[in-house]
ModelCIF file with pLDDT and N, C-alpha, C, O atoms, coordinates in Angstrom:
data_MODEL
#
_entry.id   MODEL 
#
_entity.id                         1 
_entity.type                       polymer 
_entity.pdbx_number_of_molecules   1 
#
_entity_poly.entity_id                      1 
_entity_poly.type                           'polypeptide(L)' 
_entity_poly.nstd_linkage                   no 
_entity_poly.nstd_monomer                   no 
_entity_poly.pdbx_seq_one_letter_code       EAFLLNSGSVPQDKVKFYIHWVWRFLKSCHYQLDSINTESLSQYLDS 
_entity_poly.pdbx_seq_one_letter_code_can   EAFLLNSGSVPQDKVKFYIHWVWRFLKSCHYQLDSINTESLSQYLDS 
_entity_poly.pdbx_strand_id                 A 
#
loop_
_entity_poly_seq.entity_id 
_entity_poly_seq.num 
_entity_poly_seq.mon_id 
_entity_poly_seq.hetero 
1 1  GLU n 
1 2  ALA n 
1 3  PHE n 
1 4  LEU n 
1 5  LEU n 
1 6  ASN n 
1 7  SER n 
1 8  GLY n 
1 9  SER n 
1 10 VAL n 
1 11 PRO n 
1 12 GLN n 
1 13 ASP n 
1 14 LYS n 
1 15 VAL n 
1 16 LYS n 
1 17 PHE n 
1 18 TYR n 
1 19 ILE n 
1 20 HIS n 
1 21 TRP n 
1 22 VAL n 
1 23 TRP n 
1 24 ARG n 
1 25 PHE n 
1 26 LEU n 
1 27 LYS n 
1 28 SER n 
1 29 CYS n 
1 30 HIS n 
1 31 TYR n 
1 32 GLN n 
1 33 LEU n 
1 34 ASP n 
1 35 SER n 
1 36 ILE n 
1 37 ASN n 
1 38 THR n 
1 39 GLU n 
1 40 SER n 
1 41 LEU n 
1 42 SER n 
1 43 GLN n 
1 44 TYR n 
1 45 LEU n 
1 46 ASP n 
1 47 SER n 
#
_struct_asym.id          A 
_struct_asym.entity_id   1 
#
loop_
_ma_qa_metric.id 
_ma_qa_metric.mode 
_ma_qa_metric.name 
_ma_qa_metric.software_group_id 
_ma_qa_metric.type 
1 global pLDDT . pLDDT 
2 local  pLDDT . pLDDT 
#
_ma_qa_metric_global.metric_id      1 
_ma_qa_metric_global.metric_value   86.94 
_ma_qa_metric_global.model_id       1 
_ma_qa_metric_global.ordinal_id     1 
#
loop_
_ma_qa_metric_local.label_asym_id 
_ma_qa_metric_local.label_comp_id 
_ma_qa_metric_local.label_seq_id 
_ma_qa_metric_local.metric_id 
_ma_qa_metric_local.metric_value 
_ma_qa_metric_local.model_id 
_ma_qa_metric_local.ordinal_id 
A GLU 1  2 89.00 1 1  
A ALA 2  2 88.00 1 2  
A PHE 3  2 86.00 1 3  
A LEU 4  2 87.00 1 4  
A LEU 5  2 87.00 1 5  
A ASN 6  2 87.00 1 6  
A SER 7  2 84.00 1 7  
A GLY 8  2 83.00 1 8  
A SER 9  2 82.00 1 9  
A VAL 10 2 86.00 1 10 
A PRO 11 2 88.00 1 11 
A GLN 12 2 90.00 1 12 
A ASP 13 2 90.00 1 13 
A LYS 14 2 91.00 1 14 
A VAL 15 2 91.00 1 15 
A LYS 16 2 93.00 1 16 
A PHE 17 2 94.00 1 17 
A TYR 18 2 93.00 1 18 
A ILE 19 2 93.00 1 19 
A HIS 20 2 93.00 1 20 
A TRP 21 2 93.00 1 21 
A VAL 22 2 92.00 1 22 
A TRP 23 2 92.00 1 23 
A ARG 24 2 92.00 1 24 
A PHE 25 2 91.00 1 25 
A LEU 26 2 89.00 1 26 
A LYS 27 2 89.00 1 27 
A SER 28 2 88.00 1 28 
A CYS 29 2 84.00 1 29 
A HIS 30 2 81.00 1 30 
A TYR 31 2 82.00 1 31 
A GLN 32 2 79.00 1 32 
A LEU 33 2 78.00 1 33 
A ASP 34 2 77.00 1 34 
A SER 35 2 75.00 1 35 
A ILE 36 2 82.00 1 36 
A ASN 37 2 80.00 1 37 
A THR 38 2 83.00 1 38 
A GLU 39 2 84.00 1 39 
A SER 40 2 84.00 1 40 
A LEU 41 2 86.00 1 41 
A SER 42 2 86.00 1 42 
A GLN 43 2 88.00 1 43 
A TYR 44 2 89.00 1 44 
A LEU 45 2 88.00 1 45 
A ASP 46 2 89.00 1 46 
A SER 47 2 90.00 1 47 
#
loop_
_atom_site.group_PDB 
_atom_site.id 
_atom_site.type_symbol 
_atom_site.label_atom_id 
_atom_site.label_alt_id 
_atom_site.label_comp_id 
_atom_site.label_asym_id 
_atom_site.label_entity_id 
_atom_site.label_seq_id 
_atom_site.pdbx_PDB_ins_code 
_atom_site.Cartn_x 
_atom_site.Cartn_y 
_atom_site.Cartn_z 
_atom_site.occupancy 
_atom_site.B_iso_or_equiv 
_atom_site.pdbx_formal_charge 
_atom_site.auth_seq_id 
_atom_site.auth_comp_id 
_atom_site.auth_asym_id 
_atom_site.auth_atom_id 
_atom_site.pdbx_PDB_model_num 
ATOM 1   N N  . GLU A 1 1  ? 17.697 17.386 8.407  1.00 89.00 ? 1  GLU A N  1 
ATOM 2   C CA . GLU A 1 1  ? 17.111 18.949 8.640  1.00 89.00 ? 1  GLU A CA 1 
ATOM 3   C C  . GLU A 1 1  ? 17.576 19.927 7.712  1.00 89.00 ? 1  GLU A C  1 
ATOM 4   O O  . GLU A 1 1  ? 16.752 20.832 7.587  1.00 89.00 ? 1  GLU A O  1 
ATOM 5   N N  . ALA A 1 2  ? 18.809 20.100 6.877  1.00 88.00 ? 2  ALA A N  1 
ATOM 6   C CA . ALA A 1 2  ? 19.056 20.768 5.986  1.00 88.00 ? 2  ALA A CA 1 
ATOM 7   C C  . ALA A 1 2  ? 18.349 20.553 4.533  1.00 88.00 ? 2  ALA A C  1 
ATOM 8   O O  . ALA A 1 2  ? 18.197 21.386 3.640  1.00 88.00 ? 2  ALA A O  1 
ATOM 9   N N  . PHE A 1 3  ? 18.028 19.411 4.563  1.00 86.00 ? 3  PHE A N  1 
ATOM 10  C CA . PHE A 1 3  ? 17.001 19.152 3.359  1.00 86.00 ? 3  PHE A CA 1 
ATOM 11  C C  . PHE A 1 3  ? 15.990 19.836 3.370  1.00 86.00 ? 3  PHE A C  1 
ATOM 12  O O  . PHE A 1 3  ? 15.693 20.745 2.595  1.00 86.00 ? 3  PHE A O  1 
ATOM 13  N N  . LEU A 1 4  ? 15.170 19.259 4.621  1.00 87.00 ? 4  LEU A N  1 
ATOM 14  C CA . LEU A 1 4  ? 14.235 20.187 4.753  1.00 87.00 ? 4  LEU A CA 1 
ATOM 15  C C  . LEU A 1 4  ? 14.280 21.776 5.078  1.00 87.00 ? 4  LEU A C  1 
ATOM 16  O O  . LEU A 1 4  ? 13.232 22.385 4.862  1.00 87.00 ? 4  LEU A O  1 
ATOM 17  N N  . LEU A 1 5  ? 14.999 22.251 5.401  1.00 87.00 ? 5  LEU A N  1 
ATOM 18  C CA . LEU A 1 5  ? 15.223 23.829 5.026  1.00 87.00 ? 5  LEU A CA 1 
ATOM 19  C C  . LEU A 1 5  ? 15.421 24.365 3.859  1.00 87.00 ? 5  LEU A C  1 
ATOM 20  O O  . LEU A 1 5  ? 14.907 25.424 3.499  1.00 87.00 ? 5  LEU A O  1 
ATOM 21  N N  . ASN A 1 6  ? 16.268 23.590 3.110  1.00 87.00 ? 6  ASN A N  1 
ATOM 22  C CA . ASN A 1 6  ? 16.598 23.955 1.534  1.00 87.00 ? 6  ASN A CA 1 
ATOM 23  C C  . ASN A 1 6  ? 15.435 23.642 0.734  1.00 87.00 ? 6  ASN A C  1 
ATOM 24  O O  . ASN A 1 6  ? 15.222 24.454 -0.166 1.00 87.00 ? 6  ASN A O  1 
ATOM 25  N N  . SER A 1 7  ? 14.615 22.659 0.829  1.00 84.00 ? 7  SER A N  1 
ATOM 26  C CA . SER A 1 7  ? 13.281 22.212 0.130  1.00 84.00 ? 7  SER A CA 1 
ATOM 27  C C  . SER A 1 7  ? 12.176 22.968 0.172  1.00 84.00 ? 7  SER A C  1 
ATOM 28  O O  . SER A 1 7  ? 11.346 23.007 -0.736 1.00 84.00 ? 7  SER A O  1 
ATOM 29  N N  . GLY A 1 8  ? 12.097 23.792 1.542  1.00 83.00 ? 8  GLY A N  1 
ATOM 30  C CA . GLY A 1 8  ? 10.918 24.769 1.933  1.00 83.00 ? 8  GLY A CA 1 
ATOM 31  C C  . GLY A 1 8  ? 9.692  24.056 1.728  1.00 83.00 ? 8  GLY A C  1 
ATOM 32  O O  . GLY A 1 8  ? 8.725  24.741 1.393  1.00 83.00 ? 8  GLY A O  1 
ATOM 33  N N  . SER A 1 9  ? 9.483  22.442 1.901  1.00 82.00 ? 9  SER A N  1 
ATOM 34  C CA . SER A 1 9  ? 8.065  21.786 2.022  1.00 82.00 ? 9  SER A CA 1 
ATOM 35  C C  . SER A 1 9  ? 7.731  21.539 3.259  1.00 82.00 ? 9  SER A C  1 
ATOM 36  O O  . SER A 1 9  ? 6.868  20.727 3.595  1.00 82.00 ? 9  SER A O  1 
ATOM 37  N N  . VAL A 1 10 ? 8.629  22.464 4.256  1.00 86.00 ? 10 VAL A N  1 
ATOM 38  C CA . VAL A 1 10 ? 8.269  22.354 5.897  1.00 86.00 ? 10 VAL A CA 1 
ATOM 39  C C  . VAL A 1 10 ? 8.634  23.740 6.419  1.00 86.00 ? 10 VAL A C  1 
ATOM 40  O O  . VAL A 1 10 ? 9.776  24.167 6.243  1.00 86.00 ? 10 VAL A O  1 
ATOM 41  N N  . PRO A 1 11 ? 7.559  24.576 7.158  1.00 88.00 ? 11 PRO A N  1 
ATOM 42  C CA . PRO A 1 11 ? 8.010  26.051 7.722  1.00 88.00 ? 11 PRO A CA 1 
ATOM 43  C C  . PRO A 1 11 ? 8.887  25.690 8.577  1.00 88.00 ? 11 PRO A C  1 
ATOM 44  O O  . PRO A 1 11 ? 8.872  24.706 9.317  1.00 88.00 ? 11 PRO A O  1 
ATOM 45  N N  . GLN A 1 12 ? 10.044 26.909 8.413  1.00 90.00 ? 12 GLN A N  1 
ATOM 46  C CA . GLN A 1 12 ? 11.082 26.794 9.318  1.00 90.00 ? 12 GLN A CA 1 
ATOM 47  C C  . GLN A 1 12 ? 10.988 26.616 10.608 1.00 90.00 ? 12 GLN A C  1 
ATOM 48  O O  . GLN A 1 12 ? 11.954 26.252 11.278 1.00 90.00 ? 12 GLN A O  1 
ATOM 49  N N  . ASP A 1 13 ? 9.974  26.819 11.038 1.00 90.00 ? 13 ASP A N  1 
ATOM 50  C CA . ASP A 1 13 ? 9.633  26.850 12.777 1.00 90.00 ? 13 ASP A CA 1 
ATOM 51  C C  . ASP A 1 13 ? 8.975  25.678 13.274 1.00 90.00 ? 13 ASP A C  1 
ATOM 52  O O  . ASP A 1 13 ? 8.600  25.427 14.419 1.00 90.00 ? 13 ASP A O  1 
ATOM 53  N N  . LYS A 1 14 ? 8.870  24.742 11.819 1.00 91.00 ? 14 LYS A N  1 
ATOM 54  C CA . LYS A 1 14 ? 8.214  23.227 12.361 1.00 91.00 ? 14 LYS A CA 1 
ATOM 55  C C  . LYS A 1 14 ? 9.348  22.408 12.221 1.00 91.00 ? 14 LYS A C  1 
ATOM 56  O O  . LYS A 1 14 ? 9.256  21.354 12.850 1.00 91.00 ? 14 LYS A O  1 
ATOM 57  N N  . VAL A 1 15 ? 10.442 22.579 11.558 1.00 91.00 ? 15 VAL A N  1 
ATOM 58  C CA . VAL A 1 15 ? 11.765 21.459 11.352 1.00 91.00 ? 15 VAL A CA 1 
ATOM 59  C C  . VAL A 1 15 ? 12.004 20.767 12.337 1.00 91.00 ? 15 VAL A C  1 
ATOM 60  O O  . VAL A 1 15 ? 12.131 19.563 12.113 1.00 91.00 ? 15 VAL A O  1 
ATOM 61  N N  . LYS A 1 16 ? 12.138 21.201 13.629 1.00 93.00 ? 16 LYS A N  1 
ATOM 62  C CA . LYS A 1 16 ? 12.814 20.876 14.804 1.00 93.00 ? 16 LYS A CA 1 
ATOM 63  C C  . LYS A 1 16 ? 11.690 19.499 15.156 1.00 93.00 ? 16 LYS A C  1 
ATOM 64  O O  . LYS A 1 16 ? 12.111 18.401 15.522 1.00 93.00 ? 16 LYS A O  1 
ATOM 65  N N  . PHE A 1 17 ? 10.332 19.792 14.978 1.00 94.00 ? 17 PHE A N  1 
ATOM 66  C CA . PHE A 1 17 ? 9.386  18.878 15.052 1.00 94.00 ? 17 PHE A CA 1 
ATOM 67  C C  . PHE A 1 17 ? 9.237  17.820 14.267 1.00 94.00 ? 17 PHE A C  1 
ATOM 68  O O  . PHE A 1 17 ? 8.778  16.748 14.660 1.00 94.00 ? 17 PHE A O  1 
ATOM 69  N N  . TYR A 1 18 ? 9.715  18.121 12.803 1.00 93.00 ? 18 TYR A N  1 
ATOM 70  C CA . TYR A 1 18 ? 9.845  17.177 11.876 1.00 93.00 ? 18 TYR A CA 1 
ATOM 71  C C  . TYR A 1 18 ? 11.026 16.088 12.475 1.00 93.00 ? 18 TYR A C  1 
ATOM 72  O O  . TYR A 1 18 ? 10.836 14.890 12.689 1.00 93.00 ? 18 TYR A O  1 
ATOM 73  N N  . ILE A 1 19 ? 12.309 16.855 12.684 1.00 93.00 ? 19 ILE A N  1 
ATOM 74  C CA . ILE A 1 19 ? 13.292 16.143 13.127 1.00 93.00 ? 19 ILE A CA 1 
ATOM 75  C C  . ILE A 1 19 ? 12.819 15.064 14.160 1.00 93.00 ? 19 ILE A C  1 
ATOM 76  O O  . ILE A 1 19 ? 13.047 13.859 14.059 1.00 93.00 ? 19 ILE A O  1 
ATOM 77  N N  . HIS A 1 20 ? 12.131 15.674 15.163 1.00 93.00 ? 20 HIS A N  1 
ATOM 78  C CA . HIS A 1 20 ? 12.024 14.958 16.353 1.00 93.00 ? 20 HIS A CA 1 
ATOM 79  C C  . HIS A 1 20 ? 11.214 13.403 16.122 1.00 93.00 ? 20 HIS A C  1 
ATOM 80  O O  . HIS A 1 20 ? 11.431 12.308 16.643 1.00 93.00 ? 20 HIS A O  1 
ATOM 81  N N  . TRP A 1 21 ? 10.315 13.796 15.220 1.00 93.00 ? 21 TRP A N  1 
ATOM 82  C CA . TRP A 1 21 ? 9.362  12.521 14.747 1.00 93.00 ? 21 TRP A CA 1 
ATOM 83  C C  . TRP A 1 21 ? 10.181 11.156 14.123 1.00 93.00 ? 21 TRP A C  1 
ATOM 84  O O  . TRP A 1 21 ? 10.130 9.980  14.484 1.00 93.00 ? 21 TRP A O  1 
ATOM 85  N N  . VAL A 1 22 ? 10.872 11.744 13.148 1.00 92.00 ? 22 VAL A N  1 
ATOM 86  C CA . VAL A 1 22 ? 11.840 10.816 12.453 1.00 92.00 ? 22 VAL A CA 1 
ATOM 87  C C  . VAL A 1 22 ? 12.873 10.309 13.462 1.00 92.00 ? 22 VAL A C  1 
ATOM 88  O O  . VAL A 1 22 ? 13.103 9.101  13.527 1.00 92.00 ? 22 VAL A O  1 
ATOM 89  N N  . TRP A 1 23 ? 13.413 11.059 14.136 1.00 92.00 ? 23 TRP A N  1 
ATOM 90  C CA . TRP A 1 23 ? 14.188 10.567 15.121 1.00 92.00 ? 23 TRP A CA 1 
ATOM 91  C C  . TRP A 1 23 ? 13.327 9.578  16.157 1.00 92.00 ? 23 TRP A C  1 
ATOM 92  O O  . TRP A 1 23 ? 13.784 8.447  16.326 1.00 92.00 ? 23 TRP A O  1 
ATOM 93  N N  . ARG A 1 24 ? 12.391 9.863  16.693 1.00 92.00 ? 24 ARG A N  1 
ATOM 94  C CA . ARG A 1 24 ? 11.180 8.467  17.402 1.00 92.00 ? 24 ARG A CA 1 
ATOM 95  C C  . ARG A 1 24 ? 11.127 7.455  16.092 1.00 92.00 ? 24 ARG A C  1 
ATOM 96  O O  . ARG A 1 24 ? 11.145 6.258  16.379 1.00 92.00 ? 24 ARG A O  1 
ATOM 97  N N  . PHE A 1 25 ? 11.089 7.656  15.266 1.00 91.00 ? 25 PHE A N  1 
ATOM 98  C CA . PHE A 1 25 ? 10.818 6.915  14.523 1.00 91.00 ? 25 PHE A CA 1 
ATOM 99  C C  . PHE A 1 25 ? 12.006 5.837  13.930 1.00 91.00 ? 25 PHE A C  1 
ATOM 100 O O  . PHE A 1 25 ? 11.819 4.620  13.927 1.00 91.00 ? 25 PHE A O  1 
ATOM 101 N N  . LEU A 1 26 ? 12.977 6.336  13.543 1.00 89.00 ? 26 LEU A N  1 
ATOM 102 C CA . LEU A 1 26 ? 14.329 5.617  13.665 1.00 89.00 ? 26 LEU A CA 1 
ATOM 103 C C  . LEU A 1 26 ? 14.485 4.707  14.684 1.00 89.00 ? 26 LEU A C  1 
ATOM 104 O O  . LEU A 1 26 ? 14.749 3.526  14.459 1.00 89.00 ? 26 LEU A O  1 
ATOM 105 N N  . LYS A 1 27 ? 14.348 5.145  15.746 1.00 89.00 ? 27 LYS A N  1 
ATOM 106 C CA . LYS A 1 27 ? 14.567 4.645  17.250 1.00 89.00 ? 27 LYS A CA 1 
ATOM 107 C C  . LYS A 1 27 ? 13.917 3.106  17.771 1.00 89.00 ? 27 LYS A C  1 
ATOM 108 O O  . LYS A 1 27 ? 14.312 2.147  18.434 1.00 89.00 ? 27 LYS A O  1 
ATOM 109 N N  . SER A 1 28 ? 12.605 3.541  16.992 1.00 88.00 ? 28 SER A N  1 
ATOM 110 C CA . SER A 1 28 ? 11.496 2.127  16.803 1.00 88.00 ? 28 SER A CA 1 
ATOM 111 C C  . SER A 1 28 ? 11.699 1.436  16.070 1.00 88.00 ? 28 SER A C  1 
ATOM 112 O O  . SER A 1 28 ? 11.222 0.305  16.160 1.00 88.00 ? 28 SER A O  1 
ATOM 113 N N  . CYS A 1 29 ? 12.535 1.819  14.967 1.00 84.00 ? 29 CYS A N  1 
ATOM 114 C CA . CYS A 1 29 ? 13.335 0.830  13.825 1.00 84.00 ? 29 CYS A CA 1 
ATOM 115 C C  . CYS A 1 29 ? 14.558 0.090  14.037 1.00 84.00 ? 29 CYS A C  1 
ATOM 116 O O  . CYS A 1 29 ? 15.139 -0.783 13.392 1.00 84.00 ? 29 CYS A O  1 
ATOM 117 N N  . HIS A 1 30 ? 14.840 0.843  15.407 1.00 81.00 ? 30 HIS A N  1 
ATOM 118 C CA . HIS A 1 30 ? 16.476 0.454  15.518 1.00 81.00 ? 30 HIS A CA 1 
ATOM 119 C C  . HIS A 1 30 ? 17.481 0.678  14.895 1.00 81.00 ? 30 HIS A C  1 
ATOM 120 O O  . HIS A 1 30 ? 18.507 0.004  14.987 1.00 81.00 ? 30 HIS A O  1 
ATOM 121 N N  . TYR A 1 31 ? 17.288 1.912  13.983 1.00 82.00 ? 31 TYR A N  1 
ATOM 122 C CA . TYR A 1 31 ? 17.863 2.250  13.143 1.00 82.00 ? 31 TYR A CA 1 
ATOM 123 C C  . TYR A 1 31 ? 18.345 1.555  12.175 1.00 82.00 ? 31 TYR A C  1 
ATOM 124 O O  . TYR A 1 31 ? 19.515 1.516  11.793 1.00 82.00 ? 31 TYR A O  1 
ATOM 125 N N  . GLN A 1 32 ? 17.646 1.126  11.864 1.00 79.00 ? 32 GLN A N  1 
ATOM 126 C CA . GLN A 1 32 ? 17.616 -0.242 10.636 1.00 79.00 ? 32 GLN A CA 1 
ATOM 127 C C  . GLN A 1 32 ? 16.837 0.196  9.549  1.00 79.00 ? 32 GLN A C  1 
ATOM 128 O O  . GLN A 1 32 ? 15.686 -0.178 9.325  1.00 79.00 ? 32 GLN A O  1 
ATOM 129 N N  . LEU A 1 33 ? 17.660 1.206  8.701  1.00 78.00 ? 33 LEU A N  1 
ATOM 130 C CA . LEU A 1 33 ? 17.069 1.892  7.508  1.00 78.00 ? 33 LEU A CA 1 
ATOM 131 C C  . LEU A 1 33 ? 16.650 0.767  6.507  1.00 78.00 ? 33 LEU A C  1 
ATOM 132 O O  . LEU A 1 33 ? 15.750 1.121  5.746  1.00 78.00 ? 33 LEU A O  1 
ATOM 133 N N  . ASP A 1 34 ? 17.025 -0.292 6.367  1.00 77.00 ? 34 ASP A N  1 
ATOM 134 C CA . ASP A 1 34 ? 16.522 -1.370 5.416  1.00 77.00 ? 34 ASP A CA 1 
ATOM 135 C C  . ASP A 1 34 ? 15.106 -2.104 5.868  1.00 77.00 ? 34 ASP A C  1 
ATOM 136 O O  . ASP A 1 34 ? 14.280 -2.718 5.191  1.00 77.00 ? 34 ASP A O  1 
ATOM 137 N N  . SER A 1 35 ? 15.150 -1.834 7.113  1.00 75.00 ? 35 SER A N  1 
ATOM 138 C CA . SER A 1 35 ? 13.838 -2.473 8.112  1.00 75.00 ? 35 SER A CA 1 
ATOM 139 C C  . SER A 1 35 ? 12.469 -1.975 7.663  1.00 75.00 ? 35 SER A C  1 
ATOM 140 O O  . SER A 1 35 ? 11.442 -2.651 7.618  1.00 75.00 ? 35 SER A O  1 
ATOM 141 N N  . ILE A 1 36 ? 12.637 -0.415 7.269  1.00 82.00 ? 36 ILE A N  1 
ATOM 142 C CA . ILE A 1 36 ? 11.547 0.456  6.652  1.00 82.00 ? 36 ILE A CA 1 
ATOM 143 C C  . ILE A 1 36 ? 10.708 0.360  5.805  1.00 82.00 ? 36 ILE A C  1 
ATOM 144 O O  . ILE A 1 36 ? 10.945 0.493  4.604  1.00 82.00 ? 36 ILE A O  1 
ATOM 145 N N  . ASN A 1 37 ? 9.671  0.132  6.257  1.00 80.00 ? 37 ASN A N  1 
ATOM 146 C CA . ASN A 1 37 ? 8.520  -0.336 5.076  1.00 80.00 ? 37 ASN A CA 1 
ATOM 147 C C  . ASN A 1 37 ? 6.914  0.020  6.084  1.00 80.00 ? 37 ASN A C  1 
ATOM 148 O O  . ASN A 1 37 ? 6.728  0.400  7.240  1.00 80.00 ? 37 ASN A O  1 
ATOM 149 N N  . THR A 1 38 ? 6.103  -0.296 5.074  1.00 83.00 ? 38 THR A N  1 
ATOM 150 C CA . THR A 1 38 ? 4.742  0.419  5.544  1.00 83.00 ? 38 THR A CA 1 
ATOM 151 C C  . THR A 1 38 ? 4.220  0.130  7.149  1.00 83.00 ? 38 THR A C  1 
ATOM 152 O O  . THR A 1 38 ? 3.753  0.858  8.025  1.00 83.00 ? 38 THR A O  1 
ATOM 153 N N  . GLU A 1 39 ? 4.568  -1.400 7.052  1.00 84.00 ? 39 GLU A N  1 
ATOM 154 C CA . GLU A 1 39 ? 4.426  -2.292 8.617  1.00 84.00 ? 39 GLU A CA 1 
ATOM 155 C C  . GLU A 1 39 ? 4.861  -1.412 9.556  1.00 84.00 ? 39 GLU A C  1 
ATOM 156 O O  . GLU A 1 39 ? 4.084  -0.957 10.396 1.00 84.00 ? 39 GLU A O  1 
ATOM 157 N N  . SER A 1 40 ? 6.229  -1.064 9.507  1.00 84.00 ? 40 SER A N  1 
ATOM 158 C CA . SER A 1 40 ? 7.198  -0.440 10.682 1.00 84.00 ? 40 SER A CA 1 
ATOM 159 C C  . SER A 1 40 ? 6.483  0.957  10.705 1.00 84.00 ? 40 SER A C  1 
ATOM 160 O O  . SER A 1 40 ? 6.440  1.400  11.852 1.00 84.00 ? 40 SER A O  1 
ATOM 161 N N  . LEU A 1 41 ? 5.877  1.826  9.710  1.00 86.00 ? 41 LEU A N  1 
ATOM 162 C CA . LEU A 1 41 ? 5.347  3.067  10.127 1.00 86.00 ? 41 LEU A CA 1 
ATOM 163 C C  . LEU A 1 41 ? 3.850  2.688  10.687 1.00 86.00 ? 41 LEU A C  1 
ATOM 164 O O  . LEU A 1 41 ? 3.372  3.276  11.657 1.00 86.00 ? 41 LEU A O  1 
ATOM 165 N N  . SER A 1 42 ? 3.283  1.836  10.107 1.00 86.00 ? 42 SER A N  1 
ATOM 166 C CA . SER A 1 42 ? 2.109  1.630  10.722 1.00 86.00 ? 42 SER A CA 1 
ATOM 167 C C  . SER A 1 42 ? 2.257  1.165  12.393 1.00 86.00 ? 42 SER A C  1 
ATOM 168 O O  . SER A 1 42 ? 1.426  1.556  13.213 1.00 86.00 ? 42 SER A O  1 
ATOM 169 N N  . GLN A 1 43 ? 3.171  0.472  12.700 1.00 88.00 ? 43 GLN A N  1 
ATOM 170 C CA . GLN A 1 43 ? 3.342  0.010  14.093 1.00 88.00 ? 43 GLN A CA 1 
ATOM 171 C C  . GLN A 1 43 ? 3.798  1.596  15.135 1.00 88.00 ? 43 GLN A C  1 
ATOM 172 O O  . GLN A 1 43 ? 3.388  1.851  16.268 1.00 88.00 ? 43 GLN A O  1 
ATOM 173 N N  . TYR A 1 44 ? 4.670  2.368  14.343 1.00 89.00 ? 44 TYR A N  1 
ATOM 174 C CA . TYR A 1 44 ? 5.022  3.491  14.970 1.00 89.00 ? 44 TYR A CA 1 
ATOM 175 C C  . TYR A 1 44 ? 4.006  4.456  14.987 1.00 89.00 ? 44 TYR A C  1 
ATOM 176 O O  . TYR A 1 44 ? 4.129  5.411  15.754 1.00 89.00 ? 44 TYR A O  1 
ATOM 177 N N  . LEU A 1 45 ? 2.872  4.344  14.152 1.00 88.00 ? 45 LEU A N  1 
ATOM 178 C CA . LEU A 1 45 ? 1.885  5.642  14.212 1.00 88.00 ? 45 LEU A CA 1 
ATOM 179 C C  . LEU A 1 45 ? 1.104  5.009  15.289 1.00 88.00 ? 45 LEU A C  1 
ATOM 180 O O  . LEU A 1 45 ? 0.721  5.675  16.250 1.00 88.00 ? 45 LEU A O  1 
ATOM 181 N N  . ASP A 1 46 ? 0.860  3.793  15.176 1.00 89.00 ? 46 ASP A N  1 
ATOM 182 C CA . ASP A 1 46 ? -0.320 2.918  15.736 1.00 89.00 ? 46 ASP A CA 1 
ATOM 183 C C  . ASP A 1 46 ? 0.243  3.380  17.617 1.00 89.00 ? 46 ASP A C  1 
ATOM 184 O O  . ASP A 1 46 ? -0.412 3.915  18.511 1.00 89.00 ? 46 ASP A O  1 
ATOM 185 N N  . SER A 1 47 ? 1.283  3.020  17.606 1.00 90.00 ? 47 SER A N  1 
ATOM 186 C CA . SER A 1 47 ? 2.349  3.525  19.418 1.00 90.00 ? 47 SER A CA 1 
ATOM 187 C C  . SER A 1 47 ? 1.974  4.842  19.593 1.00 90.00 ? 47 SER A C  1 
ATOM 188 O O  . SER A 1 47 ? 2.400  5.482  20.554 1.00 90.00 ? 47 SER A O  1 
#
């Protein structure tokens, strides 16, 4: 969240939504950062 706010790549009022989507993605990956790949992203977006 701090990264998004400092980088300015996302409007400030949208940051909470970006956090929400990333949280759901991490939850779908069982918080295993090593297992993140195009397939896991594709499965998440399909859902």
